[in-house]
Amino acid sequence: MEVKEKVLHAMQQNSQPMRPGEIAEAAGIDKKDVEKVIKVLKDQDLIYSPKRCFYQVK
């Protein structure tokens, strides 16, 4: 499973908006990698930020 898939999977398992650190912990990957993937996922319109520094799957 690639990093992007791990991030999406971790976010889908949690119904609440998550911070990058929480996503990294849930997915078992580095926070810096999560932050890079978050930018890509936002550009692809797969996730959104309901409040500052929190992210959720659409």
Protein backbone atom coordinates (compact mmCIF):
# COMPACT_ATOMS: atom_id res chain seq x y z
CA MET A 1 0.00 0.00 0.00
CA GLU A 2 1.46 3.36 -0.96
CA VAL A 3 1.61 6.36 1.39
CA LYS A 4 -1.38 8.12 -0.21
CA GLU A 5 -3.54 5.02 0.26
CA LYS A 6 -2.40 4.62 3.87
CA VAL A 7 -3.31 8.23 4.63
CA LEU A 8 -6.75 7.93 3.04
CA HIS A 9 -7.40 4.63 4.82
CA ALA A 10 -6.43 6.09 8.20
CA MET A 11 -8.72 9.06 7.62
CA GLN A 12 -11.63 6.88 6.51
CA GLN A 13 -11.35 4.79 9.70
CA ASN A 14 -11.92 7.89 11.83
CA SER A 15 -15.20 9.78 11.42
CA GLN A 16 -13.77 12.94 13.02
CA PRO A 17 -11.45 15.50 11.37
CA MET A 18 -7.81 14.63 12.10
CA ARG A 19 -4.57 16.57 12.47
CA PRO A 20 -1.54 15.50 10.40
CA GLY A 21 0.15 14.06 13.51
CA GLU A 22 -2.88 11.91 14.30
CA ILE A 23 -3.06 10.69 10.71
CA ALA A 24 0.66 9.84 10.79
CA GLU A 25 0.25 7.88 14.02
CA ALA A 26 -2.82 6.00 12.74
CA ALA A 27 -1.15 5.18 9.41
CA GLY A 28 2.25 4.36 10.91
CA ILE A 29 4.16 6.80 8.70
CA ASP A 30 6.21 9.97 9.18
CA LYS A 31 4.34 13.24 9.77
CA LYS A 32 6.35 15.02 7.05
CA ASP A 33 5.20 12.42 4.50
CA VAL A 34 1.59 12.88 5.66
CA GLU A 35 1.84 16.65 5.18
CA LYS A 36 3.08 16.17 1.60
CA VAL A 37 0.26 13.72 0.82
CA ILE A 38 -2.34 16.05 2.36
CA LYS A 39 -1.40 18.75 -0.17
CA VAL A 40 -1.79 16.27 -3.04
CA LEU A 41 -5.14 14.98 -1.74
CA LYS A 42 -6.45 18.53 -1.32
CA ASP A 43 -5.41 19.37 -4.89
CA GLN A 44 -7.22 16.24 -6.09
CA ASP A 45 -10.30 17.36 -4.09
CA LEU A 46 -10.42 14.09 -2.11
CA ILE A 47 -10.17 15.70 1.33
CA TYR A 48 -11.06 19.04 2.87
CA SER A 49 -10.26 21.04 5.96
CA PRO A 50 -13.37 21.76 8.08
CA LYS A 51 -11.22 23.82 10.44
CA ARG A 52 -7.61 24.99 10.48
CA CYS A 53 -5.06 22.13 10.64
CA PHE A 54 -7.73 19.41 10.62
CA TYR A 55 -8.52 17.25 7.60
CA GLN A 56 -11.35 14.93 6.64
CA VAL A 57 -12.26 12.75 3.67
CA LYS A 58 -15.03 14.17 1.47
